[in-house]
Amino acid sequence: MSAAQTKKTGVWQRLGGEEVSIGSEIMKAATLYLVPQDMTQRQAMATYMPELYVLRNKGCSFAQLASLLVECGVNLQPSTVRIYYGEMLADRLDECQQRMNEQILLMAEVRKATVAVDPSIVSEKLAEINDRQRAFAAGKIERLFGVQEHQITGLPQAAVHEPTKPERATPNPKPLSHLFIEDEPVVPNLTAGGQSTIETNHPLPVEPAPQKPPVASPSPQTPDQTRNLRCMALQPGVKPLPQKPHVPAEVYSPGDLEHPAIPGLILNLQQRLSRLSLHYLETDTGETHVESLHELRFRIFWKKPIPMTPSSSSDSFVKMDMSLFA
């Protein structure tokens, strides 16, 4: 005989029908009351999802939900709560929506219960709150405007619960009679041309119209085109600029063209395609100048700079002396 055939088996334990029925009830109760041991924080948050869904719909932030979860033993960052919430919502949406419906029905029942409250109790409570707010605002009104509350609302002074404060000496207001003119009845007199003139015993002073300062005519200035400029020799061995798609084709053709940002400076083909800043001479004064990076950029893209329009407040700014940073 084989080993499988010679293996002895124990006595089978059999259950009666009553024990099976009791065990079934225990299992049903376990599904309601038994809490798993050693749950992860993600699993614990998943059990709280219906309540978190209701709180989120009320407007609670994820930081508030994270603080609430800490009190429940789940220590997660608000960013982690946001990620877990988005991942779990799709799986437990039906359960979350059911809990939301239960919350709505509960609030409806609360409203029905509050409708039966005696209106006199509500009115007395509102009157009490109104009196506290009025007493709190009375001190501020007195401090800001020097007017007591009963002078505005018409309530008796005894009804205003305002703490006594030392009176402050207020300066005597200046008479304002000089600002008003006692007008007598005005009778319009019609002239022959049909126009009406108004005569009064107290003619109003007429203020002279403000005169605008004379605008000085711009003095004629010598345009930059009259400057005699000449480009100096280029540094040898410099690789020329490559052709750009938005630059006019004439820039890459032989011939002389005027610098787009330096009027009066005529450039040949090699000078236009130089990668380095150009050195040019002003023949009238003998001064040498160097092409700035701003001017070099306009030469590379061969675009004329847009002149800046002076604003009404441009004269209010102080020009900075850039030589201080040299």
Protein backbone atom coordinates (compact mmCIF):
# COMPACT_ATOMS: atom_id res chain seq x y z
CA MET A 1 0.00 0.00 0.00
CA SER A 2 1.16 3.53 -0.75
CA ALA A 3 1.87 6.20 1.87
CA ALA A 4 -1.29 8.07 0.88
CA GLN A 5 -3.36 4.99 1.51
CA THR A 6 -1.75 4.26 4.88
CA LYS A 7 -2.16 7.91 6.13
CA LYS A 8 -4.55 8.03 9.00
CA THR A 9 -7.18 10.73 9.15
CA GLY A 10 -8.56 12.30 12.29
CA VAL A 11 -12.13 12.37 13.41
CA TRP A 12 -14.23 14.85 11.43
CA GLN A 13 -15.80 17.63 13.49
CA ARG A 14 -19.41 18.17 12.54
CA LEU A 15 -21.63 21.14 13.41
CA GLY A 16 -25.26 21.09 14.12
CA GLY A 17 -27.81 23.32 12.43
CA GLU A 18 -28.21 25.49 15.52
CA GLU A 19 -24.49 26.28 15.66
CA VAL A 20 -24.48 27.22 11.96
CA SER A 21 -27.38 29.61 12.51
CA ILE A 22 -25.63 31.23 15.48
CA GLY A 23 -22.41 31.55 13.51
CA SER A 24 -24.27 33.24 10.66
CA GLU A 25 -25.63 35.87 13.03
CA ILE A 26 -22.18 36.42 14.50
CA MET A 27 -20.73 37.00 11.03
CA LYS A 28 -23.45 39.52 10.18
CA ALA A 29 -22.75 41.42 13.40
CA ALA A 30 -19.00 41.28 12.70
CA THR A 31 -19.51 43.05 9.37
CA LEU A 32 -21.05 45.94 11.31
CA TYR A 33 -18.98 46.15 14.47
CA LEU A 34 -15.66 44.38 13.98
CA VAL A 35 -12.79 46.80 13.26
CA PRO A 36 -9.72 45.42 11.43
CA GLN A 37 -6.42 45.39 13.30
CA ASP A 38 -3.20 47.05 12.03
CA MET A 39 -4.87 49.19 9.36
CA THR A 40 -2.73 51.46 7.21
CA GLN A 41 -3.40 55.18 7.24
CA ARG A 42 -4.74 54.97 3.69
CA GLN A 43 -7.19 52.25 4.69
CA ALA A 44 -8.27 54.25 7.73
CA MET A 45 -8.88 57.32 5.58
CA ALA A 46 -10.92 55.19 3.19
CA THR A 47 -13.32 54.34 6.01
CA TYR A 48 -13.80 58.07 6.72
CA MET A 49 -14.45 58.99 3.05
CA PRO A 50 -18.26 59.47 3.36
CA GLU A 51 -17.79 61.94 6.20
CA LEU A 52 -14.89 63.66 4.44
CA TYR A 53 -17.05 63.99 1.33
CA VAL A 54 -19.76 65.79 3.30
CA LEU A 55 -17.20 68.13 4.95
CA ARG A 56 -15.57 68.85 1.59
CA ASN A 57 -18.93 69.81 0.07
CA LYS A 58 -19.48 72.20 2.99
CA GLY A 59 -16.32 74.05 1.94
CA CYS A 60 -13.69 72.60 4.28
CA SER A 61 -10.14 72.79 2.93
CA PHE A 62 -7.76 69.86 2.74
CA ALA A 63 -5.72 71.44 5.54
CA GLN A 64 -8.79 71.30 7.78
CA LEU A 65 -9.44 67.70 6.79
CA ALA A 66 -5.81 66.80 7.54
CA SER A 67 -6.09 68.40 11.00
CA LEU A 68 -9.30 66.46 11.63
CA LEU A 69 -7.68 63.20 10.54
CA VAL A 70 -4.80 63.79 12.96
CA GLU A 71 -7.36 63.79 15.78
CA CYS A 72 -8.56 60.43 14.46
CA GLY A 73 -5.04 58.96 14.50
CA VAL A 74 -4.30 59.43 10.79
CA ASN A 75 -1.25 61.67 10.45
CA LEU A 76 -1.13 62.79 6.80
CA GLN A 77 -0.02 65.97 5.09
CA PRO A 78 -2.69 68.10 3.36
CA SER A 79 -1.13 67.31 -0.03
CA THR A 80 -1.37 63.56 0.71
CA VAL A 81 -4.96 63.95 1.84
CA ARG A 82 -5.73 65.69 -1.47
CA ILE A 83 -4.19 62.83 -3.47
CA TYR A 84 -5.90 60.08 -1.46
CA TYR A 85 -9.22 61.91 -1.62
CA GLY A 86 -9.11 62.12 -5.41
CA GLU A 87 -8.14 58.47 -5.79
CA MET A 88 -10.75 57.12 -3.34
CA LEU A 89 -13.64 59.30 -4.47
CA ALA A 90 -14.22 57.35 -7.68
CA ASP A 91 -14.40 53.99 -5.82
CA ARG A 92 -16.64 55.17 -2.97
CA LEU A 93 -18.72 57.80 -4.78
CA ASP A 94 -22.01 55.94 -4.29
CA GLU A 95 -21.43 55.60 -0.56
CA CYS A 96 -20.34 59.24 -0.28
CA GLN A 97 -23.40 60.45 -2.17
CA GLN A 98 -25.65 58.36 0.06
CA ARG A 99 -24.13 59.93 3.15
CA MET A 100 -24.61 63.37 1.58
CA ASN A 101 -28.30 62.63 0.99
CA GLU A 102 -28.65 61.54 4.62
CA GLN A 103 -27.06 64.83 5.71
CA ILE A 104 -29.50 66.81 3.56
CA LEU A 105 -32.48 64.96 5.03
CA LEU A 106 -31.14 65.55 8.54
CA MET A 107 -30.83 69.29 7.93
CA ALA A 108 -34.37 69.36 6.55
CA GLU A 109 -35.65 67.74 9.73
CA VAL A 110 -33.74 70.31 11.80
CA ARG A 111 -35.38 73.14 9.87
CA LYS A 112 -38.80 71.64 10.48
CA ALA A 113 -38.04 71.51 14.20
CA THR A 114 -36.92 75.12 14.32
CA VAL A 115 -40.08 76.34 12.58
CA ALA A 116 -42.09 75.41 15.67
CA VAL A 117 -40.03 77.74 17.90
CA ASP A 118 -41.97 80.59 19.47
CA PRO A 119 -41.33 83.75 17.39
CA SER A 120 -41.21 85.87 20.54
CA ILE A 121 -38.13 83.97 21.72
CA VAL A 122 -36.39 84.64 18.41
CA SER A 123 -37.31 88.35 18.49
CA GLU A 124 -36.04 88.72 22.06
CA LYS A 125 -32.77 87.05 21.12
CA LEU A 126 -32.36 89.32 18.10
CA ALA A 127 -33.12 92.39 20.23
CA GLU A 128 -30.48 91.32 22.74
CA ILE A 129 -27.88 90.87 20.00
CA ASN A 130 -28.84 94.23 18.49
CA ASP A 131 -28.40 95.98 21.86
CA ARG A 132 -24.95 94.49 22.32
CA GLN A 133 -23.86 95.58 18.85
CA ARG A 134 -25.29 99.07 19.39
CA ALA A 135 -23.48 99.48 22.72
CA PHE A 136 -20.23 98.25 21.18
CA ALA A 137 -20.49 100.69 18.26
CA ALA A 138 -21.51 103.70 20.41
CA GLY A 139 -17.99 104.24 21.72
CA LYS A 140 -16.49 104.17 18.24
CA ILE A 141 -19.09 106.59 16.88
CA GLU A 142 -18.38 109.03 19.71
CA ARG A 143 -14.63 108.76 19.18
CA LEU A 144 -14.74 109.19 15.40
CA PHE A 145 -17.51 111.74 14.91
CA GLY A 146 -18.16 113.26 18.34
CA VAL A 147 -21.84 112.35 18.02
CA GLN A 148 -23.62 110.16 20.53
CA GLU A 149 -25.74 107.30 19.25
CA HIS A 150 -29.06 108.60 20.57
CA GLN A 151 -28.60 111.74 18.45
CA ILE A 152 -28.55 109.60 15.32
CA THR A 153 -31.12 106.95 16.07
CA GLY A 154 -33.52 109.11 18.11
CA LEU A 155 -33.41 106.71 21.07
CA PRO A 156 -33.43 108.15 24.59
CA GLN A 157 -29.97 108.65 26.00
CA ALA A 158 -30.69 106.33 28.93
CA ALA A 159 -31.23 103.46 26.48
CA VAL A 160 -27.67 103.71 25.19
CA HIS A 161 -25.34 101.62 27.34
CA GLU A 162 -22.15 103.54 26.75
CA PRO A 163 -19.29 103.65 29.23
CA THR A 164 -18.57 107.10 30.58
CA LYS A 165 -15.53 108.72 29.04
CA PRO A 166 -13.75 111.95 29.96
CA GLU A 167 -14.96 114.80 27.84
CA ARG A 168 -12.49 116.07 25.34
CA ALA A 169 -12.13 119.74 24.63
CA THR A 170 -13.13 120.40 21.06
CA PRO A 171 -11.97 123.57 19.36
CA ASN A 172 -14.60 126.18 18.56
CA PRO A 173 -15.64 125.79 14.97
CA LYS A 174 -14.85 128.70 12.76
CA PRO A 175 -17.87 130.64 11.52
CA LEU A 176 -18.86 129.59 8.06
CA SER A 177 -20.82 132.70 7.24
CA HIS A 178 -18.09 133.92 4.92
CA LEU A 179 -18.77 130.94 2.68
CA PHE A 180 -22.42 131.84 2.06
CA ILE A 181 -24.06 134.90 0.50
CA GLU A 182 -27.55 135.92 1.43
CA ASP A 183 -29.25 135.94 -1.91
CA GLU A 184 -32.15 138.25 -2.53
CA PRO A 185 -34.91 137.40 -4.95
CA VAL A 186 -33.40 137.30 -8.41
CA VAL A 187 -35.42 138.83 -11.22
CA PRO A 188 -34.25 138.10 -14.72
CA ASN A 189 -34.23 141.16 -17.00
CA LEU A 190 -34.82 140.48 -20.64
CA THR A 191 -32.79 142.59 -23.02
CA ALA A 192 -33.79 143.59 -26.48
CA GLY A 193 -31.94 140.69 -28.02
CA GLY A 194 -33.95 138.19 -25.99
CA GLN A 195 -31.10 137.38 -23.64
CA SER A 196 -31.63 137.41 -19.89
CA THR A 197 -29.35 139.11 -17.41
CA ILE A 198 -29.48 138.41 -13.68
CA GLU A 199 -29.01 141.27 -11.29
CA THR A 200 -28.18 140.70 -7.65
CA ASN A 201 -27.24 143.04 -4.88
CA HIS A 202 -24.29 140.81 -3.97
CA PRO A 203 -22.41 139.84 -7.09
CA LEU A 204 -20.42 136.68 -6.70
CA PRO A 205 -16.68 136.99 -7.06
CA VAL A 206 -15.47 135.65 -10.33
CA GLU A 207 -12.25 133.75 -10.12
CA PRO A 208 -9.90 134.32 -13.01
CA ALA A 209 -9.49 131.33 -15.25
CA PRO A 210 -6.17 129.58 -14.71
CA GLN A 211 -3.78 130.53 -17.42
CA LYS A 212 -1.75 127.80 -18.98
CA PRO A 213 1.98 128.42 -19.14
CA PRO A 214 3.14 129.25 -22.61
CA VAL A 215 4.42 126.26 -24.46
CA ALA A 216 7.86 126.86 -25.76
CA SER A 217 8.25 126.04 -29.39
CA PRO A 218 10.79 123.33 -29.96
CA SER A 219 14.10 124.73 -30.95
CA PRO A 220 15.41 123.47 -34.22
CA GLN A 221 17.93 120.78 -33.63
CA THR A 222 20.45 119.43 -36.02
CA PRO A 223 19.32 115.98 -37.20
CA ASP A 224 21.64 113.05 -36.74
CA GLN A 225 21.81 112.59 -40.50
CA THR A 226 24.12 115.60 -40.77
CA ARG A 227 26.78 113.97 -38.59
CA ASN A 228 29.82 112.87 -40.55
CA LEU A 229 30.44 109.33 -39.35
CA ARG A 230 32.85 106.79 -40.72
CA CYS A 231 33.23 103.17 -39.69
CA MET A 232 36.72 102.14 -38.65
CA ALA A 233 38.60 99.03 -39.72
CA LEU A 234 37.20 95.68 -38.65
CA GLN A 235 39.03 93.09 -36.61
CA PRO A 236 40.35 90.39 -38.94
CA GLY A 237 39.38 86.73 -38.64
CA VAL A 238 35.84 87.32 -37.35
CA LYS A 239 33.23 84.98 -38.78
CA PRO A 240 30.31 86.93 -40.39
CA LEU A 241 26.76 86.68 -39.21
CA PRO A 242 24.58 83.97 -40.81
CA GLN A 243 21.59 84.96 -42.92
CA LYS A 244 18.36 85.34 -40.95
CA PRO A 245 14.94 84.63 -42.49
CA HIS A 246 13.23 87.88 -41.45
CA VAL A 247 16.05 90.22 -42.47
CA PRO A 248 15.68 91.93 -45.89
CA ALA A 249 17.70 90.32 -48.66
CA GLU A 250 19.38 93.63 -49.55
CA VAL A 251 21.26 93.51 -46.23
CA TYR A 252 23.20 90.46 -47.51
CA SER A 253 23.83 91.96 -50.95
CA PRO A 254 26.89 94.05 -51.86
CA GLY A 255 26.44 97.79 -51.48
CA ASP A 256 26.27 100.50 -48.84
CA LEU A 257 23.35 100.90 -46.41
CA GLU A 258 22.78 103.23 -43.50
CA HIS A 259 22.92 101.79 -39.97
CA PRO A 260 19.30 101.28 -38.75
CA ALA A 261 20.04 102.61 -35.24
CA ILE A 262 22.87 105.13 -35.96
CA PRO A 263 21.76 107.66 -38.56
CA GLY A 264 24.58 108.91 -40.73
CA LEU A 265 26.76 105.79 -40.40
CA ILE A 266 27.10 104.09 -43.79
CA LEU A 267 28.05 100.40 -43.71
CA ASN A 268 29.28 98.07 -46.41
CA LEU A 269 28.49 94.34 -46.56
CA GLN A 270 31.37 93.23 -44.29
CA GLN A 271 30.55 95.87 -41.69
CA ARG A 272 26.84 94.96 -41.68
CA LEU A 273 27.64 91.28 -41.02
CA SER A 274 30.20 91.85 -38.27
CA ARG A 275 29.58 89.89 -35.07
CA LEU A 276 31.44 92.43 -32.92
CA SER A 277 30.49 95.97 -32.01
CA LEU A 278 31.59 98.49 -34.60
CA HIS A 279 34.01 101.33 -33.88
CA TYR A 280 33.21 104.50 -35.80
CA LEU A 281 34.73 107.98 -36.00
CA GLU A 282 33.00 111.33 -36.00
CA THR A 283 35.13 113.24 -38.48
CA ASP A 284 33.96 116.72 -37.44
CA THR A 285 35.08 116.39 -33.81
CA GLY A 286 37.55 113.53 -34.04
CA GLU A 287 35.72 111.52 -31.37
CA THR A 288 35.53 107.75 -31.61
CA HIS A 289 32.41 105.83 -30.56
CA VAL A 290 31.61 102.18 -30.01
CA GLU A 291 28.39 100.56 -31.11
CA SER A 292 26.31 99.71 -28.02
CA LEU A 293 24.68 96.34 -27.47
CA HIS A 294 21.30 98.00 -28.09
CA GLU A 295 22.48 99.32 -31.45
CA LEU A 296 24.20 96.00 -32.28
CA ARG A 297 20.91 94.15 -31.75
CA PHE A 298 19.07 96.43 -34.18
CA ARG A 299 21.86 95.98 -36.75
CA ILE A 300 21.72 92.16 -36.49
CA PHE A 301 17.94 92.09 -37.00
CA TRP A 302 18.11 95.22 -39.23
CA LYS A 303 15.20 97.03 -37.62
CA LYS A 304 14.86 100.69 -36.83
CA PRO A 305 14.22 101.46 -33.14
CA ILE A 306 10.88 103.01 -32.27
CA PRO A 307 11.45 106.45 -30.74
CA MET A 308 10.17 106.81 -27.18
CA THR A 309 7.31 109.25 -26.75
CA PRO A 310 7.86 111.46 -23.68
CA SER A 311 5.02 111.24 -21.17
CA SER A 312 3.59 114.01 -19.01
CA SER A 313 5.62 112.81 -16.01
CA SER A 314 8.89 112.02 -17.77
CA ASP A 315 10.49 115.26 -16.50
CA SER A 316 9.81 114.20 -12.89
CA PHE A 317 12.42 111.44 -12.99
CA VAL A 318 16.10 112.00 -12.28
CA LYS A 319 18.40 110.65 -14.92
CA MET A 320 21.04 108.28 -13.58
CA ASP A 321 24.68 108.90 -14.31
CA MET A 322 25.81 105.51 -15.60
CA SER A 323 29.48 106.57 -15.36
CA LEU A 324 29.26 106.07 -11.61
CA PHE A 325 29.05 102.30 -12.18
CA ALA A 326 32.01 102.14 -14.52
